Amino acid sequence: MRYNLTFILLFFTFLLNAQIKTFSYLGTLILSNNTPISFQLELEEQNGIVNGYSITNINTPDKTKSEISGLYFKSDNSFQLQETQILQTSSEAPLNTFCYINMNLAFKGKFGSKRLEGTFIGNFLDSTQCASGKIILMKKSKIEKKIKKIKKKVAKKYNKKYADTTLIKRTEILKDGDDFTINWESNKVKLYIWDANQEDGDKITLKINGDIILHDFETKNKRKKLKYQLEDGENIIEITATNLGASPPNTSRIELVDSKTKYPIITQLEIGKSAIIKIVK
C-alpha cells in the first residue's frame, strides 16, 4: 500500500512538472532604423522547452508565419527563441531572401506578465546578418480588449452625434415666390442658416408663424442655430431678402432638422422677395 501511494505521488509530481504553459502575445518589431513591423508570438512551454510560431507583417501582402523553438528560463522569466523555418507566407519573395530572427525576451511590468520585451538579431540562411532591433509585445487578449473598448467608444460617439439625423433629403432650391412643404414628426424644429459661399454681405429677415426671429440678419460662413416650438397643423417659415449683397442674388443655405431627417435648402432671392417653407405636423 505504501509503495502504491509513493507511485501515485510520483505520478502526480510528473504531471505537474510536465504542465504545458501557453503564451499569446502581439506587438511590434522595431528595426534599428525605427521602422515598425507587426509581430505576433504563439508559444507553448513545457519543462523549459519552447515551441510555437511567429507571424510578421500581419494583415499585409507579406504576412509570414514561421516556426519558433527555444528555451524558457524560470529563474528570470526570460526566453531565448529563434525562427527555424517558414511555415506559410503570402510574400512572393524567394525564400532565401527571408530574414530569420533570434530573440532574447523577458517579462516586464506589474506581476511580471504585462509586457514581453527584448532584442533581436536577424540572419539570412547563410548566417549573414540582415536586421536588428527591439521587440515590444503585450498579451493578445489585452490588446484585443483595448481595441474592442476603443471601437465601442468610437461607435458610441458616432451614434450620439448622429442619433437625431439618419436621413438627408435632396437639396431644394427656392427662388422668388417659391414654397416648399414638409411633413414633420417632432414638436420642435432645429434650423441652421449660413452663407455657404464667400461672405458678400447678404442680409435676410426670417419669420416663423409671423414672429420675427431674425431681422436684417447678415449671413456668415459660421452657421446660426435656432430652435422653435411648433404649433399643431401648419407652420410657416418665411425668408425675405433685405439686400442683394456684393454678388446677387441674395443666397442663403438653410438646414431644417427633424427627429430623424435633415432637409437642406438653398434660397436665391432678389431684394424684397420671399420664399416660404411650410412645416406640417
Protein backbone atom coordinates (compact mmCIF):
# COMPACT_ATOMS: atom_id res chain seq x y z
CA MET A 1 0.00 0.00 0.00
CA ARG A 2 2.89 2.33 0.89
CA TYR A 3 4.52 1.66 -2.50
CA ASN A 4 1.27 2.36 -4.34
CA LEU A 5 0.93 5.71 -2.53
CA THR A 6 4.52 6.61 -3.39
CA PHE A 7 3.89 5.75 -7.04
CA ILE A 8 0.75 7.90 -7.13
CA LEU A 9 2.63 10.85 -5.60
CA LEU A 10 5.46 10.46 -8.11
CA PHE A 11 2.95 10.23 -10.95
CA PHE A 12 1.19 13.47 -9.95
CA THR A 13 4.56 15.17 -9.45
CA PHE A 14 5.45 14.18 -13.01
CA LEU A 15 2.17 15.59 -14.33
CA LEU A 16 2.74 18.89 -12.55
CA ASN A 17 6.28 19.13 -13.89
CA ALA A 18 5.02 18.34 -17.38
CA GLN A 19 2.34 21.05 -17.34
CA ILE A 20 2.18 22.94 -20.64
CA LYS A 21 2.00 26.73 -20.47
CA THR A 22 0.76 28.79 -23.41
CA PHE A 23 1.73 32.34 -24.32
CA SER A 24 -0.07 34.56 -26.85
CA TYR A 25 1.50 37.98 -27.39
CA LEU A 26 1.04 40.70 -30.01
CA GLY A 27 3.06 43.81 -30.75
CA THR A 28 5.89 45.21 -32.82
CA LEU A 29 9.38 44.59 -34.07
CA ILE A 30 11.22 47.91 -34.17
CA LEU A 31 14.15 47.83 -36.59
CA SER A 32 17.34 49.76 -35.87
CA ASN A 33 16.15 52.47 -38.30
CA ASN A 34 12.89 52.77 -36.23
CA THR A 35 10.75 51.02 -38.86
CA PRO A 36 7.93 49.11 -37.10
CA ILE A 37 6.80 45.65 -38.22
CA SER A 38 3.72 43.99 -36.72
CA PHE A 39 4.63 40.83 -34.84
CA GLN A 40 2.80 38.02 -33.03
CA LEU A 41 4.10 35.15 -30.89
CA GLU A 42 2.15 31.97 -30.10
CA LEU A 43 4.19 29.72 -27.79
CA GLU A 44 3.93 26.56 -25.71
CA GLU A 45 6.42 25.87 -22.89
CA GLN A 46 6.96 22.56 -21.12
CA ASN A 47 9.83 21.95 -18.72
CA GLY A 48 11.73 24.91 -20.16
CA ILE A 49 11.39 23.76 -23.78
CA VAL A 50 9.52 26.21 -26.04
CA ASN A 51 7.84 25.59 -29.39
CA GLY A 52 5.39 27.60 -31.44
CA TYR A 53 5.25 30.10 -34.24
CA SER A 54 5.57 33.78 -35.07
CA ILE A 55 3.65 35.95 -37.53
CA THR A 56 5.16 39.06 -39.11
CA ASN A 57 3.60 41.75 -41.35
CA ILE A 58 0.10 40.97 -40.07
CA ASN A 59 -2.73 41.99 -42.43
CA THR A 60 -0.32 42.87 -45.25
CA PRO A 61 0.59 41.18 -48.57
CA ASP A 62 3.85 39.98 -46.92
CA LYS A 63 2.26 38.19 -43.98
CA THR A 64 4.57 35.34 -42.94
CA LYS A 65 4.25 32.53 -40.38
CA SER A 66 7.48 30.98 -39.07
CA GLU A 67 8.25 28.08 -36.76
CA ILE A 68 9.74 29.01 -33.37
CA SER A 69 11.84 26.95 -30.96
CA GLY A 70 13.86 27.85 -27.90
CA LEU A 71 14.19 27.88 -24.14
CA TYR A 72 12.40 29.42 -21.16
CA PHE A 73 14.35 30.31 -18.01
CA LYS A 74 12.12 30.35 -14.95
CA SER A 75 14.79 31.96 -12.78
CA ASP A 76 14.45 35.33 -14.52
CA ASN A 77 11.27 34.86 -16.61
CA SER A 78 13.14 35.08 -19.89
CA PHE A 79 13.14 33.39 -23.29
CA GLN A 80 15.79 32.58 -25.88
CA LEU A 81 13.95 31.95 -29.15
CA GLN A 82 14.72 31.56 -32.82
CA GLU A 83 12.77 31.24 -36.05
CA THR A 84 13.76 27.97 -37.69
CA GLN A 85 11.71 27.77 -40.90
CA ILE A 86 8.94 29.40 -42.91
CA LEU A 87 5.61 27.64 -42.39
CA GLN A 88 3.46 29.86 -44.59
CA THR A 89 3.83 33.18 -46.41
CA SER A 90 1.85 35.48 -48.68
CA SER A 91 5.02 37.13 -49.94
CA GLU A 92 6.27 36.42 -53.46
CA ALA A 93 9.92 36.97 -52.45
CA PRO A 94 12.34 33.99 -52.77
CA LEU A 95 12.73 32.05 -49.51
CA ASN A 96 16.50 32.66 -49.45
CA THR A 97 15.79 36.38 -49.01
CA PHE A 98 13.82 35.90 -45.77
CA CYS A 99 15.32 37.15 -42.52
CA TYR A 100 15.13 34.66 -39.60
CA ILE A 101 15.27 36.28 -36.19
CA ASN A 102 16.85 35.23 -32.89
CA MET A 103 15.25 36.78 -29.81
CA ASN A 104 16.08 37.39 -26.17
CA LEU A 105 12.89 38.33 -24.36
CA ALA A 106 11.81 38.87 -20.76
CA PHE A 107 8.59 39.71 -18.95
CA LYS A 108 8.20 43.32 -17.79
CA GLY A 109 5.62 45.27 -15.84
CA LYS A 110 3.41 44.59 -12.85
CA PHE A 111 3.29 40.93 -11.80
CA GLY A 112 5.89 40.22 -14.49
CA SER A 113 3.35 39.48 -17.22
CA LYS A 114 2.11 42.75 -18.70
CA ARG A 115 4.73 43.01 -21.45
CA LEU A 116 7.26 40.84 -23.19
CA GLU A 117 10.26 42.89 -24.30
CA GLY A 118 13.75 42.35 -25.59
CA THR A 119 16.09 42.49 -28.56
CA PHE A 120 16.52 40.52 -31.75
CA ILE A 121 19.07 39.86 -34.47
CA GLY A 122 18.01 38.64 -37.90
CA ASN A 123 20.06 36.45 -40.23
CA PHE A 124 19.70 35.08 -43.74
CA LEU A 125 20.05 31.34 -44.29
CA ASP A 126 23.79 31.83 -44.95
CA SER A 127 24.12 33.42 -41.44
CA THR A 128 24.67 36.94 -42.83
CA GLN A 129 23.05 39.49 -40.53
CA CYS A 130 20.02 41.18 -42.12
CA ALA A 131 18.34 43.04 -39.26
CA SER A 132 18.43 44.00 -35.59
CA GLY A 133 16.29 45.91 -33.17
CA LYS A 134 13.80 45.74 -30.32
CA ILE A 135 10.65 43.74 -29.64
CA ILE A 136 7.71 45.06 -27.60
CA LEU A 137 4.74 42.74 -27.05
CA MET A 138 1.61 42.66 -24.93
CA LYS A 139 -0.84 39.87 -24.17
CA LYS A 140 -3.01 39.40 -27.23
CA SER A 141 -6.14 39.25 -25.07
CA LYS A 142 -5.30 42.65 -23.53
CA ILE A 143 -4.77 44.29 -26.92
CA GLU A 144 -7.99 42.79 -28.31
CA LYS A 145 -9.81 44.07 -25.21
CA LYS A 146 -8.38 47.57 -25.74
CA ILE A 147 -9.33 47.51 -29.44
CA LYS A 148 -12.86 46.41 -28.55
CA LYS A 149 -13.11 49.19 -25.97
CA ILE A 150 -11.89 51.81 -28.49
CA LYS A 151 -14.34 50.57 -31.15
CA LYS A 152 -17.18 50.72 -28.63
CA LYS A 153 -16.21 54.27 -27.63
CA VAL A 154 -16.00 55.43 -31.26
CA ALA A 155 -19.36 53.80 -32.09
CA LYS A 156 -20.98 55.43 -29.05
CA LYS A 157 -19.61 58.84 -30.04
CA TYR A 158 -20.75 58.36 -33.65
CA ASN A 159 -24.23 57.20 -32.64
CA LYS A 160 -24.60 60.11 -30.23
CA LYS A 161 -23.56 62.59 -32.90
CA TYR A 162 -25.95 61.23 -35.50
CA ALA A 163 -28.71 59.87 -33.27
CA ASP A 164 -31.22 62.51 -34.43
CA THR A 165 -30.25 62.51 -38.09
CA THR A 166 -30.35 59.29 -40.06
CA LEU A 167 -31.65 60.58 -43.40
CA ILE A 168 -30.57 63.54 -45.52
CA LYS A 169 -33.11 64.66 -48.13
CA ARG A 170 -32.33 66.07 -51.56
CA THR A 171 -31.37 69.76 -51.53
CA GLU A 172 -34.25 72.06 -52.50
CA ILE A 173 -33.57 75.39 -54.27
CA LEU A 174 -36.19 78.09 -53.56
CA LYS A 175 -36.43 81.29 -55.61
CA ASP A 176 -38.73 84.34 -55.52
CA GLY A 177 -42.24 83.28 -54.53
CA ASP A 178 -41.46 79.57 -54.20
CA ASP A 179 -42.84 77.48 -51.37
CA PHE A 180 -41.89 74.04 -50.08
CA THR A 181 -43.98 71.80 -47.79
CA ILE A 182 -42.54 69.28 -45.29
CA ASN A 183 -44.42 66.73 -43.21
CA TRP A 184 -42.89 66.87 -39.70
CA GLU A 185 -42.56 64.34 -36.85
CA SER A 186 -41.23 66.16 -33.78
CA ASN A 187 -42.69 69.09 -31.84
CA LYS A 188 -39.70 71.34 -32.48
CA VAL A 189 -37.63 72.45 -35.45
CA LYS A 190 -33.88 72.99 -35.38
CA LEU A 191 -32.89 75.49 -38.05
CA TYR A 192 -29.40 76.38 -39.25
CA ILE A 193 -28.78 79.31 -41.61
CA TRP A 194 -25.48 80.47 -43.12
CA ASP A 195 -23.68 81.68 -46.26
CA ALA A 196 -22.00 78.62 -47.76
CA ASN A 197 -20.08 80.68 -50.34
CA GLN A 198 -17.82 83.72 -49.95
CA GLU A 199 -19.34 86.15 -47.47
CA ASP A 200 -20.72 89.03 -49.54
CA GLY A 201 -22.96 90.90 -47.09
CA ASP A 202 -26.28 89.17 -47.87
CA LYS A 203 -28.98 90.06 -45.32
CA ILE A 204 -32.32 88.37 -44.65
CA THR A 205 -35.34 88.61 -42.38
CA LEU A 206 -36.71 85.31 -41.09
CA LYS A 207 -40.21 84.87 -39.70
CA ILE A 208 -41.88 81.80 -38.21
CA ASN A 209 -45.68 81.92 -37.91
CA GLY A 210 -45.49 85.71 -38.22
CA ASP A 211 -42.91 86.07 -35.43
CA ILE A 212 -39.72 87.87 -36.50
CA ILE A 213 -36.89 85.56 -35.48
CA LEU A 214 -34.08 87.32 -37.37
CA HIS A 215 -34.31 90.91 -38.64
CA ASP A 216 -31.99 92.23 -41.35
CA PHE A 217 -29.58 89.44 -40.37
CA GLU A 218 -26.28 89.20 -42.28
CA THR A 219 -25.47 85.57 -43.10
CA LYS A 220 -21.92 84.43 -42.42
CA ASN A 221 -19.94 81.25 -43.11
CA LYS A 222 -20.47 80.35 -39.45
CA ARG A 223 -23.84 78.65 -39.06
CA LYS A 224 -26.53 80.38 -36.99
CA LYS A 225 -28.55 77.86 -34.96
CA LEU A 226 -32.19 78.39 -34.00
CA LYS A 227 -34.81 76.28 -32.21
CA TYR A 228 -38.56 76.82 -32.40
CA GLN A 229 -41.56 75.14 -30.76
CA LEU A 230 -44.03 74.22 -33.48
CA GLU A 231 -47.80 74.52 -33.40
CA ASP A 232 -50.16 71.72 -34.37
CA GLY A 233 -51.03 71.84 -38.05
CA GLU A 234 -49.25 74.16 -40.48
CA ASN A 235 -46.24 76.29 -39.53
CA ILE A 236 -44.93 78.95 -41.93
CA ILE A 237 -41.22 79.86 -42.24
CA GLU A 238 -40.70 82.94 -44.42
CA ILE A 239 -37.26 84.08 -45.65
CA THR A 240 -37.07 87.58 -47.20
CA ALA A 241 -34.04 89.20 -48.85
CA THR A 242 -33.43 92.69 -47.40
CA ASN A 243 -30.48 93.45 -49.71
CA LEU A 244 -28.52 91.88 -52.58
CA GLY A 245 -25.02 91.90 -51.12
CA ALA A 246 -21.94 92.17 -53.32
CA SER A 247 -22.83 89.17 -55.53
CA PRO A 248 -26.57 88.99 -56.42
CA PRO A 249 -28.86 87.21 -55.94
CA ASN A 250 -29.20 87.05 -52.16
CA THR A 251 -28.21 83.44 -51.36
CA SER A 252 -28.59 81.56 -48.09
CA ARG A 253 -28.10 77.96 -47.03
CA ILE A 254 -30.75 76.62 -44.67
CA GLU A 255 -30.91 73.26 -42.93
CA LEU A 256 -34.01 72.08 -41.09
CA VAL A 257 -33.61 69.15 -38.71
CA ASP A 258 -36.48 66.87 -37.70
CA SER A 259 -36.07 63.98 -35.23
CA LYS A 260 -34.56 61.68 -37.88
CA THR A 261 -34.25 63.75 -41.04
CA LYS A 262 -32.26 66.69 -42.42
CA TYR A 263 -33.77 68.99 -45.05
CA PRO A 264 -31.09 71.06 -46.87
CA ILE A 265 -32.43 74.16 -48.66
CA ILE A 266 -30.86 76.96 -50.73
CA THR A 267 -32.68 80.28 -51.19
CA GLN A 268 -31.83 82.55 -54.17
CA LEU A 269 -33.80 85.78 -53.82
CA GLU A 270 -33.99 89.27 -55.29
CA ILE A 271 -34.30 92.24 -52.91
CA GLY A 272 -37.66 92.36 -51.15
CA LYS A 273 -38.66 88.90 -52.39
CA SER A 274 -39.50 85.91 -50.20
CA ALA A 275 -39.56 82.11 -50.16
CA ILE A 276 -41.88 80.06 -47.95
CA ILE A 277 -41.27 76.76 -46.12
CA LYS A 278 -44.40 75.09 -44.74
CA ILE A 279 -43.97 72.57 -41.90
CA VAL A 280 -47.00 70.37 -41.27
CA LYS A 281 -47.19 68.27 -38.11
